[in-house]
Full PDB file with SEQRES, HELIX, SHEET, SSBOND, CRYST1, ORIGX, SCALE, CONECT and MASTER records, all heavy atoms in Angstrom:
SEQRES   1 A   40  ARG LYS TRP ARG GLU ALA GLY MET LYS VAL TYR VAL TYR          
SEQRES   2 A   40  SER SER GLY SER VAL GLU ALA GLN LYS LEU LEU PHE GLY          
SEQRES   3 A   40  TYR SER THR GLU GLY ASP ILE LEU GLU LEU PHE ASP GLY          
SEQRES   4 A   40  HIS                                                          
HELIX    1 AA1 LYS A    2  GLU A    5  1                                   4    
HELIX    2 AA2 VAL A   18  GLY A   26  1                                   9    
HELIX    3 AA3 LEU A   34  LEU A   36  5                                   3    
CRYST1    1.000    1.000    1.000  90.00  90.00  90.00 P 1           1          
ORIGX1      1.000000  0.000000  0.000000        0.00000                         
ORIGX2      0.000000  1.000000  0.000000        0.00000                         
ORIGX3      0.000000  0.000000  1.000000        0.00000                         
SCALE1      1.000000  0.000000  0.000000        0.00000                         
SCALE2      0.000000  1.000000  0.000000        0.00000                         
SCALE3      0.000000  0.000000  1.000000        0.00000                         
ATOM      1  N   ARG A   1       0.841  -1.227   0.041  1.00  0.00           N  
ATOM      2  CA  ARG A   1      -0.088  -0.016   0.027  1.00  0.00           C  
ATOM      3  C   ARG A   1       0.877   1.302  -0.013  1.00  0.00           C  
ATOM      4  O   ARG A   1       0.618   2.177  -0.707  1.00  0.00           O  
ATOM      5  CB  ARG A   1      -0.942  -0.057   1.203  1.00  0.00           C  
ATOM      6  CG  ARG A   1      -2.050  -1.091   1.115  1.00  0.00           C  
ATOM      7  CD  ARG A   1      -3.221  -0.793   2.152  1.00  0.00           C  
ATOM      8  NE  ARG A   1      -4.071  -1.873   2.323  1.00  0.00           N  
ATOM      9  CZ  ARG A   1      -4.961  -2.241   1.456  1.00  0.00           C  
ATOM     10  NH1 ARG A   1      -5.158  -1.573   0.262  1.00  0.00           N  
ATOM     11  NH2 ARG A   1      -5.791  -3.293   1.637  1.00  0.00           N  
ATOM     12  N   LYS A   2       1.988   1.225   0.803  1.00  0.00           N  
ATOM     13  CA  LYS A   2       2.827   2.379   0.952  1.00  0.00           C  
ATOM     14  C   LYS A   2       3.531   2.617  -0.468  1.00  0.00           C  
ATOM     15  O   LYS A   2       3.647   3.809  -0.912  1.00  0.00           O  
ATOM     16  CB  LYS A   2       3.917   1.991   1.992  1.00  0.00           C  
ATOM     17  CG  LYS A   2       4.550   3.251   2.626  1.00  0.00           C  
ATOM     18  CD  LYS A   2       5.384   2.771   3.872  1.00  0.00           C  
ATOM     19  CE  LYS A   2       6.423   3.733   4.237  1.00  0.00           C  
ATOM     20  NZ  LYS A   2       7.267   3.190   5.289  1.00  0.00           N  
ATOM     21  N   TRP A   3       3.987   1.588  -1.023  1.00  0.00           N  
ATOM     22  CA  TRP A   3       4.595   1.680  -2.433  1.00  0.00           C  
ATOM     23  C   TRP A   3       3.763   2.333  -3.407  1.00  0.00           C  
ATOM     24  O   TRP A   3       4.095   3.200  -4.174  1.00  0.00           O  
ATOM     25  CB  TRP A   3       5.153   0.364  -2.941  1.00  0.00           C  
ATOM     26  CG  TRP A   3       6.147  -0.329  -1.941  1.00  0.00           C  
ATOM     27  CD1 TRP A   3       6.875   0.212  -0.916  1.00  0.00           C  
ATOM     28  CD2 TRP A   3       6.416  -1.757  -1.929  1.00  0.00           C  
ATOM     29  NE1 TRP A   3       7.588  -0.755  -0.230  1.00  0.00           N  
ATOM     30  CE2 TRP A   3       7.340  -1.983  -0.912  1.00  0.00           C  
ATOM     31  CE3 TRP A   3       6.083  -2.849  -2.723  1.00  0.00           C  
ATOM     32  CZ2 TRP A   3       7.893  -3.215  -0.607  1.00  0.00           C  
ATOM     33  CZ3 TRP A   3       6.511  -4.132  -2.458  1.00  0.00           C  
ATOM     34  CH2 TRP A   3       7.500  -4.258  -1.328  1.00  0.00           C  
ATOM     35  N   ARG A   4       2.496   1.762  -3.403  1.00  0.00           N  
ATOM     36  CA  ARG A   4       1.559   2.318  -4.383  1.00  0.00           C  
ATOM     37  C   ARG A   4       1.150   3.694  -4.133  1.00  0.00           C  
ATOM     38  O   ARG A   4       1.053   4.533  -5.114  1.00  0.00           O  
ATOM     39  CB  ARG A   4       0.270   1.328  -4.369  1.00  0.00           C  
ATOM     40  CG  ARG A   4       0.484  -0.017  -4.962  1.00  0.00           C  
ATOM     41  CD  ARG A   4      -0.691  -0.834  -4.811  1.00  0.00           C  
ATOM     42  NE  ARG A   4      -1.842  -0.263  -5.679  1.00  0.00           N  
ATOM     43  CZ  ARG A   4      -2.013  -0.625  -6.930  1.00  0.00           C  
ATOM     44  NH1 ARG A   4      -1.183  -1.485  -7.547  1.00  0.00           N  
ATOM     45  NH2 ARG A   4      -3.002  -0.154  -7.598  1.00  0.00           N  
ATOM     46  N   GLU A   5       1.051   4.141  -2.895  1.00  0.00           N  
ATOM     47  CA  GLU A   5       0.757   5.534  -2.587  1.00  0.00           C  
ATOM     48  C   GLU A   5       2.001   6.432  -3.007  1.00  0.00           C  
ATOM     49  O   GLU A   5       1.750   7.638  -3.303  1.00  0.00           O  
ATOM     50  CB  GLU A   5       0.644   5.690  -1.024  1.00  0.00           C  
ATOM     51  CG  GLU A   5      -0.774   5.246  -0.546  1.00  0.00           C  
ATOM     52  CD  GLU A   5      -0.794   5.022   0.923  1.00  0.00           C  
ATOM     53  OE1 GLU A   5       0.093   5.460   1.655  1.00  0.00           O  
ATOM     54  OE2 GLU A   5      -1.724   4.449   1.381  1.00  0.00           O  
ATOM     55  N   ALA A   6       3.250   5.894  -3.058  1.00  0.00           N  
ATOM     56  CA  ALA A   6       4.320   6.662  -3.515  1.00  0.00           C  
ATOM     57  C   ALA A   6       4.426   6.639  -5.054  1.00  0.00           C  
ATOM     58  O   ALA A   6       5.346   7.137  -5.656  1.00  0.00           O  
ATOM     59  CB  ALA A   6       5.669   6.032  -3.015  1.00  0.00           C  
ATOM     60  N   GLY A   7       3.395   6.023  -5.731  1.00  0.00           N  
ATOM     61  CA  GLY A   7       3.340   6.129  -7.157  1.00  0.00           C  
ATOM     62  C   GLY A   7       4.093   4.897  -7.892  1.00  0.00           C  
ATOM     63  O   GLY A   7       4.228   5.024  -9.058  1.00  0.00           O  
ATOM     64  N   MET A   8       4.357   3.922  -7.108  1.00  0.00           N  
ATOM     65  CA  MET A   8       5.012   2.674  -7.688  1.00  0.00           C  
ATOM     66  C   MET A   8       3.998   1.695  -8.152  1.00  0.00           C  
ATOM     67  O   MET A   8       2.886   1.586  -7.673  1.00  0.00           O  
ATOM     68  CB  MET A   8       6.050   2.137  -6.764  1.00  0.00           C  
ATOM     69  CG  MET A   8       7.141   2.945  -6.405  1.00  0.00           C  
ATOM     70  SD  MET A   8       8.229   2.366  -5.097  1.00  0.00           S  
ATOM     71  CE  MET A   8       8.793   3.804  -4.457  1.00  0.00           C  
ATOM     72  N   LYS A   9       4.466   0.811  -9.119  1.00  0.00           N  
ATOM     73  CA  LYS A   9       3.501  -0.183  -9.591  1.00  0.00           C  
ATOM     74  C   LYS A   9       4.181  -1.562  -9.009  1.00  0.00           C  
ATOM     75  O   LYS A   9       5.304  -1.733  -8.925  1.00  0.00           O  
ATOM     76  CB  LYS A   9       3.514  -0.209 -11.121  1.00  0.00           C  
ATOM     77  CG  LYS A   9       2.729   1.026 -11.637  1.00  0.00           C  
ATOM     78  CD  LYS A   9       2.390   0.896 -12.994  1.00  0.00           C  
ATOM     79  CE  LYS A   9       1.514   1.979 -13.536  1.00  0.00           C  
ATOM     80  NZ  LYS A   9       1.108   1.865 -14.940  1.00  0.00           N  
ATOM     81  N   VAL A  10       3.233  -2.473  -8.770  1.00  0.00           N  
ATOM     82  CA  VAL A  10       3.670  -3.782  -8.241  1.00  0.00           C  
ATOM     83  C   VAL A  10       3.046  -4.947  -9.072  1.00  0.00           C  
ATOM     84  O   VAL A  10       1.797  -4.926  -9.386  1.00  0.00           O  
ATOM     85  CB  VAL A  10       3.149  -3.868  -6.738  1.00  0.00           C  
ATOM     86  CG1 VAL A  10       3.612  -5.218  -6.160  1.00  0.00           C  
ATOM     87  CG2 VAL A  10       3.572  -2.780  -5.909  1.00  0.00           C  
ATOM     88  N   TYR A  11       3.949  -5.793  -9.476  1.00  0.00           N  
ATOM     89  CA  TYR A  11       3.547  -6.998 -10.288  1.00  0.00           C  
ATOM     90  C   TYR A  11       3.949  -8.245  -9.656  1.00  0.00           C  
ATOM     91  O   TYR A  11       4.894  -8.268  -8.865  1.00  0.00           O  
ATOM     92  CB  TYR A  11       4.175  -6.810 -11.668  1.00  0.00           C  
ATOM     93  CG  TYR A  11       3.800  -5.592 -12.507  1.00  0.00           C  
ATOM     94  CD1 TYR A  11       4.480  -4.428 -12.363  1.00  0.00           C  
ATOM     95  CD2 TYR A  11       2.807  -5.791 -13.459  1.00  0.00           C  
ATOM     96  CE1 TYR A  11       4.069  -3.285 -13.075  1.00  0.00           C  
ATOM     97  CE2 TYR A  11       2.352  -4.587 -14.126  1.00  0.00           C  
ATOM     98  CZ  TYR A  11       2.962  -3.370 -14.034  1.00  0.00           C  
ATOM     99  OH  TYR A  11       2.668  -2.265 -14.684  1.00  0.00           O  
ATOM    100  N   VAL A  12       3.292  -9.283 -10.054  1.00  0.00           N  
ATOM    101  CA  VAL A  12       3.561 -10.688  -9.535  1.00  0.00           C  
ATOM    102  C   VAL A  12       4.107 -11.426 -10.784  1.00  0.00           C  
ATOM    103  O   VAL A  12       3.600 -11.430 -11.840  1.00  0.00           O  
ATOM    104  CB  VAL A  12       2.382 -11.398  -8.977  1.00  0.00           C  
ATOM    105  CG1 VAL A  12       2.817 -12.767  -8.437  1.00  0.00           C  
ATOM    106  CG2 VAL A  12       1.703 -10.599  -7.877  1.00  0.00           C  
ATOM    107  N   TYR A  13       5.356 -12.108 -10.521  1.00  0.00           N  
ATOM    108  CA  TYR A  13       5.828 -13.015 -11.439  1.00  0.00           C  
ATOM    109  C   TYR A  13       6.099 -14.298 -10.710  1.00  0.00           C  
ATOM    110  O   TYR A  13       6.827 -14.454  -9.815  1.00  0.00           O  
ATOM    111  CB  TYR A  13       7.172 -12.478 -12.054  1.00  0.00           C  
ATOM    112  CG  TYR A  13       7.947 -13.317 -12.972  1.00  0.00           C  
ATOM    113  CD1 TYR A  13       7.227 -14.136 -13.926  1.00  0.00           C  
ATOM    114  CD2 TYR A  13       9.307 -13.290 -13.101  1.00  0.00           C  
ATOM    115  CE1 TYR A  13       7.911 -15.010 -14.799  1.00  0.00           C  
ATOM    116  CE2 TYR A  13       9.955 -14.003 -14.030  1.00  0.00           C  
ATOM    117  CZ  TYR A  13       9.284 -14.866 -14.928  1.00  0.00           C  
ATOM    118  OH  TYR A  13       9.984 -15.667 -15.814  1.00  0.00           O  
ATOM    119  N   SER A  14       5.336 -15.383 -11.232  1.00  0.00           N  
ATOM    120  CA  SER A  14       5.402 -16.580 -10.470  1.00  0.00           C  
ATOM    121  C   SER A  14       5.435 -17.810 -11.492  1.00  0.00           C  
ATOM    122  O   SER A  14       4.943 -17.686 -12.590  1.00  0.00           O  
ATOM    123  CB  SER A  14       4.204 -16.718  -9.543  1.00  0.00           C  
ATOM    124  OG  SER A  14       4.130 -18.154  -9.015  1.00  0.00           O  
ATOM    125  N   SER A  15       6.069 -18.947 -11.018  1.00  0.00           N  
ATOM    126  CA  SER A  15       5.914 -20.127 -11.876  1.00  0.00           C  
ATOM    127  C   SER A  15       4.624 -20.735 -11.802  1.00  0.00           C  
ATOM    128  O   SER A  15       4.234 -21.576 -12.684  1.00  0.00           O  
ATOM    129  CB  SER A  15       7.012 -21.121 -11.492  1.00  0.00           C  
ATOM    130  OG  SER A  15       6.947 -21.377 -10.022  1.00  0.00           O  
ATOM    131  N   GLY A  16       3.671 -20.319 -10.829  1.00  0.00           N  
ATOM    132  CA  GLY A  16       2.335 -20.695 -10.688  1.00  0.00           C  
ATOM    133  C   GLY A  16       1.603 -19.829 -11.802  1.00  0.00           C  
ATOM    134  O   GLY A  16       1.955 -18.699 -12.026  1.00  0.00           O  
ATOM    135  N   SER A  17       0.588 -20.504 -12.358  1.00  0.00           N  
ATOM    136  CA  SER A  17      -0.157 -19.775 -13.503  1.00  0.00           C  
ATOM    137  C   SER A  17      -0.846 -18.484 -12.886  1.00  0.00           C  
ATOM    138  O   SER A  17      -1.040 -18.311 -11.697  1.00  0.00           O  
ATOM    139  CB  SER A  17      -1.342 -20.677 -13.960  1.00  0.00           C  
ATOM    140  OG  SER A  17      -2.307 -20.890 -12.969  1.00  0.00           O  
ATOM    141  N   VAL A  18      -1.172 -17.634 -13.887  1.00  0.00           N  
ATOM    142  CA  VAL A  18      -1.772 -16.338 -13.492  1.00  0.00           C  
ATOM    143  C   VAL A  18      -3.143 -16.625 -12.758  1.00  0.00           C  
ATOM    144  O   VAL A  18      -3.467 -15.997 -11.825  1.00  0.00           O  
ATOM    145  CB  VAL A  18      -2.043 -15.514 -14.716  1.00  0.00           C  
ATOM    146  CG1 VAL A  18      -2.943 -14.294 -14.442  1.00  0.00           C  
ATOM    147  CG2 VAL A  18      -0.762 -14.885 -15.273  1.00  0.00           C  
ATOM    148  N   GLU A  19      -3.889 -17.690 -13.259  1.00  0.00           N  
ATOM    149  CA  GLU A  19      -5.077 -18.119 -12.624  1.00  0.00           C  
ATOM    150  C   GLU A  19      -4.851 -18.478 -11.158  1.00  0.00           C  
ATOM    151  O   GLU A  19      -5.681 -18.128 -10.271  1.00  0.00           O  
ATOM    152  CB  GLU A  19      -5.754 -19.205 -13.452  1.00  0.00           C  
ATOM    153  CG  GLU A  19      -7.222 -19.594 -12.794  1.00  0.00           C  
ATOM    154  CD  GLU A  19      -7.815 -20.714 -13.609  1.00  0.00           C  
ATOM    155  OE1 GLU A  19      -7.005 -21.634 -14.087  1.00  0.00           O  
ATOM    156  OE2 GLU A  19      -9.006 -20.796 -13.657  1.00  0.00           O  
ATOM    157  N   ALA A  20      -3.852 -19.238 -10.898  1.00  0.00           N  
ATOM    158  CA  ALA A  20      -3.549 -19.750  -9.559  1.00  0.00           C  
ATOM    159  C   ALA A  20      -3.120 -18.491  -8.749  1.00  0.00           C  
ATOM    160  O   ALA A  20      -3.501 -18.421  -7.513  1.00  0.00           O  
ATOM    161  CB  ALA A  20      -2.424 -20.720  -9.580  1.00  0.00           C  
ATOM    162  N   GLN A  21      -2.339 -17.517  -9.223  1.00  0.00           N  
ATOM    163  CA  GLN A  21      -1.960 -16.394  -8.518  1.00  0.00           C  
ATOM    164  C   GLN A  21      -3.223 -15.668  -8.068  1.00  0.00           C  
ATOM    165  O   GLN A  21      -3.342 -15.168  -6.957  1.00  0.00           O  
ATOM    166  CB  GLN A  21      -1.164 -15.482  -9.380  1.00  0.00           C  
ATOM    167  CG  GLN A  21       0.196 -16.053  -9.715  1.00  0.00           C  
ATOM    168  CD  GLN A  21       0.883 -15.086 -10.853  1.00  0.00           C  
ATOM    169  OE1 GLN A  21       0.879 -13.921 -10.703  1.00  0.00           O  
ATOM    170  NE2 GLN A  21       1.584 -15.746 -11.744  1.00  0.00           N  
ATOM    171  N   LYS A  22      -4.231 -15.418  -8.988  1.00  0.00           N  
ATOM    172  CA  LYS A  22      -5.344 -14.612  -8.780  1.00  0.00           C  
ATOM    173  C   LYS A  22      -6.248 -15.255  -7.689  1.00  0.00           C  
ATOM    174  O   LYS A  22      -6.795 -14.564  -6.803  1.00  0.00           O  
ATOM    175  CB  LYS A  22      -6.139 -14.390  -9.968  1.00  0.00           C  
ATOM    176  CG  LYS A  22      -5.369 -13.336 -10.893  1.00  0.00           C  
ATOM    177  CD  LYS A  22      -6.232 -13.006 -12.033  1.00  0.00           C  
ATOM    178  CE  LYS A  22      -5.532 -11.980 -12.921  1.00  0.00           C  
ATOM    179  NZ  LYS A  22      -6.256 -11.633 -14.147  1.00  0.00           N  
ATOM    180  N   LEU A  23      -6.191 -16.605  -7.648  1.00  0.00           N  
ATOM    181  CA  LEU A  23      -6.969 -17.351  -6.569  1.00  0.00           C  
ATOM    182  C   LEU A  23      -6.275 -17.087  -5.251  1.00  0.00           C  
ATOM    183  O   LEU A  23      -6.942 -16.743  -4.204  1.00  0.00           O  
ATOM    184  CB  LEU A  23      -7.043 -18.816  -6.904  1.00  0.00           C  
ATOM    185  CG  LEU A  23      -7.842 -19.291  -8.002  1.00  0.00           C  
ATOM    186  CD1 LEU A  23      -7.698 -20.672  -8.294  1.00  0.00           C  
ATOM    187  CD2 LEU A  23      -9.380 -19.005  -7.604  1.00  0.00           C  
ATOM    188  N   LEU A  24      -4.981 -17.230  -5.213  1.00  0.00           N  
ATOM    189  CA  LEU A  24      -4.209 -17.067  -3.942  1.00  0.00           C  
ATOM    190  C   LEU A  24      -4.431 -15.621  -3.347  1.00  0.00           C  
ATOM    191  O   LEU A  24      -4.729 -15.566  -2.144  1.00  0.00           O  
ATOM    192  CB  LEU A  24      -2.697 -17.379  -4.196  1.00  0.00           C  
ATOM    193  CG  LEU A  24      -1.858 -17.460  -2.869  1.00  0.00           C  
ATOM    194  CD1 LEU A  24      -0.659 -18.469  -3.242  1.00  0.00           C  
ATOM    195  CD2 LEU A  24      -1.280 -16.118  -2.517  1.00  0.00           C  
ATOM    196  N   PHE A  25      -4.332 -14.608  -4.158  1.00  0.00           N  
ATOM    197  CA  PHE A  25      -4.470 -13.270  -3.649  1.00  0.00           C  
ATOM    198  C   PHE A  25      -5.941 -12.821  -3.597  1.00  0.00           C  
ATOM    199  O   PHE A  25      -6.281 -11.971  -2.736  1.00  0.00           O  
ATOM    200  CB  PHE A  25      -3.656 -12.287  -4.593  1.00  0.00           C  
ATOM    201  CG  PHE A  25      -2.226 -12.585  -4.573  1.00  0.00           C  
ATOM    202  CD1 PHE A  25      -1.487 -12.923  -5.614  1.00  0.00           C  
ATOM    203  CD2 PHE A  25      -1.501 -12.319  -3.395  1.00  0.00           C  
ATOM    204  CE1 PHE A  25      -0.200 -13.172  -5.593  1.00  0.00           C  
ATOM    205  CE2 PHE A  25      -0.105 -12.505  -3.295  1.00  0.00           C  
ATOM    206  CZ  PHE A  25       0.569 -12.939  -4.506  1.00  0.00           C  
ATOM    207  N   GLY A  26      -6.787 -13.444  -4.242  1.00  0.00           N  
ATOM    208  CA  GLY A  26      -8.219 -13.173  -4.191  1.00  0.00           C  
ATOM    209  C   GLY A  26      -8.863 -13.743  -2.999  1.00  0.00           C  
ATOM    210  O   GLY A  26      -9.908 -13.217  -2.461  1.00  0.00           O  
ATOM    211  N   TYR A  27      -8.356 -14.862  -2.439  1.00  0.00           N  
ATOM    212  CA  TYR A  27      -8.882 -15.651  -1.305  1.00  0.00           C  
ATOM    213  C   TYR A  27      -7.800 -15.697  -0.281  1.00  0.00           C  
ATOM    214  O   TYR A  27      -7.346 -16.872   0.037  1.00  0.00           O  
ATOM    215  CB  TYR A  27      -9.410 -16.961  -1.650  1.00  0.00           C  
ATOM    216  CG  TYR A  27     -10.594 -16.854  -2.640  1.00  0.00           C  
ATOM    217  CD1 TYR A  27     -10.389 -17.010  -4.049  1.00  0.00           C  
ATOM    218  CD2 TYR A  27     -11.936 -16.677  -2.227  1.00  0.00           C  
ATOM    219  CE1 TYR A  27     -11.497 -16.990  -4.941  1.00  0.00           C  
ATOM    220  CE2 TYR A  27     -13.040 -16.654  -3.083  1.00  0.00           C  
ATOM    221  CZ  TYR A  27     -12.754 -16.807  -4.451  1.00  0.00           C  
ATOM    222  OH  TYR A  27     -13.778 -16.841  -5.286  1.00  0.00           O  
ATOM    223  N   SER A  28      -7.224 -14.623   0.235  1.00  0.00           N  
ATOM    224  CA  SER A  28      -6.094 -14.720   1.104  1.00  0.00           C  
ATOM    225  C   SER A  28      -6.447 -14.464   2.554  1.00  0.00           C  
ATOM    226  O   SER A  28      -7.612 -14.161   2.888  1.00  0.00           O  
ATOM    227  CB  SER A  28      -5.037 -13.622   0.758  1.00  0.00           C  
ATOM    228  OG  SER A  28      -5.341 -12.444   1.324  1.00  0.00           O  
ATOM    229  N   THR A  29      -5.538 -14.752   3.472  1.00  0.00           N  
ATOM    230  CA  THR A  29      -5.728 -14.526   4.829  1.00  0.00           C  
ATOM    231  C   THR A  29      -5.924 -13.046   5.147  1.00  0.00           C  
ATOM    232  O   THR A  29      -6.342 -12.741   6.235  1.00  0.00           O  
ATOM    233  CB  THR A  29      -4.498 -15.097   5.617  1.00  0.00           C  
ATOM    234  OG1 THR A  29      -3.299 -14.560   5.063  1.00  0.00           O  
ATOM    235  CG2 THR A  29      -4.457 -16.548   5.670  1.00  0.00           C  
ATOM    236  N   GLU A  30      -5.553 -12.180   4.180  1.00  0.00           N  
ATOM    237  CA  GLU A  30      -5.750 -10.717   4.386  1.00  0.00           C  
ATOM    238  C   GLU A  30      -6.992 -10.211   3.534  1.00  0.00           C  
ATOM    239  O   GLU A  30      -7.195  -9.062   3.301  1.00  0.00           O  
ATOM    240  CB  GLU A  30      -4.539  -9.980   3.878  1.00  0.00           C  
ATOM    241  CG  GLU A  30      -3.238 -10.370   4.682  1.00  0.00           C  
ATOM    242  CD  GLU A  30      -3.252  -9.904   6.088  1.00  0.00           C  
ATOM    243  OE1 GLU A  30      -3.678  -8.659   6.304  1.00  0.00           O  
ATOM    244  OE2 GLU A  30      -3.033 -10.666   6.989  1.00  0.00           O  
ATOM    245  N   GLY A  31      -7.768 -11.222   3.043  1.00  0.00           N  
ATOM    246  CA  GLY A  31      -8.954 -10.901   2.171  1.00  0.00           C  
ATOM    247  C   GLY A  31      -8.627 -10.913   0.750  1.00  0.00           C  
ATOM    248  O   GLY A  31      -7.537 -11.354   0.305  1.00  0.00           O  
ATOM    249  N   ASP A  32      -9.453 -10.182   0.014  1.00  0.00           N  
ATOM    250  CA  ASP A  32      -9.189 -10.030  -1.429  1.00  0.00           C  
ATOM    251  C   ASP A  32      -8.171  -8.882  -1.667  1.00  0.00           C  
ATOM    252  O   ASP A  32      -8.567  -7.733  -1.485  1.00  0.00           O  
ATOM    253  CB  ASP A  32     -10.461  -9.807  -2.243  1.00  0.00           C  
ATOM    254  CG  ASP A  32     -10.238  -9.615  -3.751  1.00  0.00           C  
ATOM    255  OD1 ASP A  32      -9.077  -9.659  -4.117  1.00  0.00           O  
ATOM    256  OD2 ASP A  32     -11.337  -9.616  -4.477  1.00  0.00           O  
ATOM    257  N   ILE A  33      -6.991  -9.197  -2.030  1.00  0.00           N  
ATOM    258  CA  ILE A  33      -5.936  -8.129  -2.131  1.00  0.00           C  
ATOM    259  C   ILE A  33      -5.534  -7.940  -3.673  1.00  0.00           C  
ATOM    260  O   ILE A  33      -4.439  -7.399  -3.923  1.00  0.00           O  
ATOM    261  CB  ILE A  33      -4.794  -8.407  -1.233  1.00  0.00           C  
ATOM    262  CG1 ILE A  33      -4.071  -9.773  -1.533  1.00  0.00           C  
ATOM    263  CG2 ILE A  33      -5.173  -8.221   0.181  1.00  0.00           C  
ATOM    264  CD1 ILE A  33      -2.733  -9.909  -0.792  1.00  0.00           C  
ATOM    265  N   LEU A  34      -6.267  -8.412  -4.521  1.00  0.00           N  
ATOM    266  CA  LEU A  34      -5.947  -8.360  -6.020  1.00  0.00           C  
ATOM    267  C   LEU A  34      -5.710  -6.921  -6.430  1.00  0.00           C  
ATOM    268  O   LEU A  34      -4.923  -6.651  -7.344  1.00  0.00           O  
ATOM    269  CB  LEU A  34      -7.000  -9.066  -6.901  1.00  0.00           C  
ATOM    270  CG  LEU A  34      -6.942 -10.658  -6.883  1.00  0.00           C  
ATOM    271  CD1 LEU A  34      -8.153 -11.178  -7.617  1.00  0.00           C  
ATOM    272  CD2 LEU A  34      -5.569 -11.078  -7.646  1.00  0.00           C  
ATOM    273  N   GLU A  35      -6.439  -5.975  -5.798  1.00  0.00           N  
ATOM    274  CA  GLU A  35      -6.360  -4.542  -6.251  1.00  0.00           C  
ATOM    275  C   GLU A  35      -4.935  -4.012  -5.965  1.00  0.00           C  
ATOM    276  O   GLU A  35      -4.658  -2.983  -6.547  1.00  0.00           O  
ATOM    277  CB  GLU A  35      -7.405  -3.712  -5.463  1.00  0.00           C  
ATOM    278  CG  GLU A  35      -7.084  -3.713  -3.902  1.00  0.00           C  
ATOM    279  CD  GLU A  35      -7.995  -2.905  -3.107  1.00  0.00           C  
ATOM    280  OE1 GLU A  35      -9.056  -2.445  -3.569  1.00  0.00           O  
ATOM    281  OE2 GLU A  35      -7.577  -2.556  -1.956  1.00  0.00           O  
ATOM    282  N   LEU A  36      -4.142  -4.726  -5.198  1.00  0.00           N  
ATOM    283  CA  LEU A  36      -2.873  -4.144  -4.845  1.00  0.00           C  
ATOM    284  C   LEU A  36      -1.858  -4.407  -6.083  1.00  0.00           C  
ATOM    285  O   LEU A  36      -0.719  -3.852  -6.016  1.00  0.00           O  
ATOM    286  CB  LEU A  36      -2.239  -4.814  -3.572  1.00  0.00           C  
ATOM    287  CG  LEU A  36      -3.034  -4.544  -2.341  1.00  0.00           C  
ATOM    288  CD1 LEU A  36      -2.368  -5.259  -1.113  1.00  0.00           C  
ATOM    289  CD2 LEU A  36      -3.111  -3.041  -2.056  1.00  0.00           C  
ATOM    290  N   PHE A  37      -2.236  -5.222  -7.070  1.00  0.00           N  
ATOM    291  CA  PHE A  37      -1.284  -5.586  -8.100  1.00  0.00           C  
ATOM    292  C   PHE A  37      -1.702  -5.010  -9.420  1.00  0.00           C  
ATOM    293  O   PHE A  37      -2.892  -4.995  -9.772  1.00  0.00           O  
ATOM    294  CB  PHE A  37      -1.173  -7.098  -8.180  1.00  0.00           C  
ATOM    295  CG  PHE A  37      -0.792  -7.711  -6.857  1.00  0.00           C  
ATOM    296  CD1 PHE A  37      -1.649  -8.439  -6.084  1.00  0.00           C  
ATOM    297  CD2 PHE A  37       0.554  -7.654  -6.442  1.00  0.00           C  
ATOM    298  CE1 PHE A  37      -1.311  -8.913  -4.845  1.00  0.00           C  
ATOM    299  CE2 PHE A  37       0.918  -8.151  -5.189  1.00  0.00           C  
ATOM    300  CZ  PHE A  37       0.018  -8.816  -4.462  1.00  0.00           C  
ATOM    301  N   ASP A  38      -0.730  -4.500 -10.183  1.00  0.00           N  
ATOM    302  CA  ASP A  38      -0.992  -3.876 -11.522  1.00  0.00           C  
ATOM    303  C   ASP A  38      -0.885  -4.923 -12.621  1.00  0.00           C  
ATOM    304  O   ASP A  38      -1.346  -4.539 -13.755  1.00  0.00           O  
ATOM    305  CB  ASP A  38       0.128  -2.857 -11.700  1.00  0.00           C  
ATOM    306  CG  ASP A  38       0.011  -1.660 -10.726  1.00  0.00           C  
ATOM    307  OD1 ASP A  38      -0.931  -0.814 -10.972  1.00  0.00           O  
ATOM    308  OD2 ASP A  38       0.723  -1.606  -9.697  1.00  0.00           O  
ATOM    309  N   GLY A  39      -0.528  -6.146 -12.292  1.00  0.00           N  
ATOM    310  CA  GLY A  39      -0.513  -7.211 -13.339  1.00  0.00           C  
ATOM    311  C   GLY A  39       0.193  -8.436 -12.865  1.00  0.00           C  
ATOM    312  O   GLY A  39       0.771  -8.460 -11.787  1.00  0.00           O  
ATOM    313  N   HIS A  40      -0.017  -9.445 -13.648  1.00  0.00           N  
ATOM    314  CA  HIS A  40       0.533 -10.783 -13.263  1.00  0.00           C  
ATOM    315  C   HIS A  40       1.321 -11.384 -14.440  1.00  0.00           C  
ATOM    316  O   HIS A  40       0.789 -11.301 -15.524  1.00  0.00           O  
ATOM    317  CB  HIS A  40      -0.609 -11.691 -12.854  1.00  0.00           C  
ATOM    318  CG  HIS A  40      -1.452 -11.238 -11.701  1.00  0.00           C  
ATOM    319  ND1 HIS A  40      -1.265 -11.691 -10.418  1.00  0.00           N  
ATOM    320  CD2 HIS A  40      -2.329 -10.309 -11.567  1.00  0.00           C  
ATOM    321  CE1 HIS A  40      -2.053 -11.148  -9.577  1.00  0.00           C  
ATOM    322  NE2 HIS A  40      -2.745 -10.209 -10.243  1.00  0.00           N  
TER     323      HIS A  40                                                      
MASTER        0    0    0    3    0    0    0    6  322    1    0    4          
END                                                                             
């Protein structure tokens, strides 16, 4: 959140598929945090 407020962009790069990434971050222990990422 702090990085994004400072104008930075945040991306995820994983050997797990984009679909799997979106599930992990969409149903996380911190709730749905997909909005924090600019791309996968």
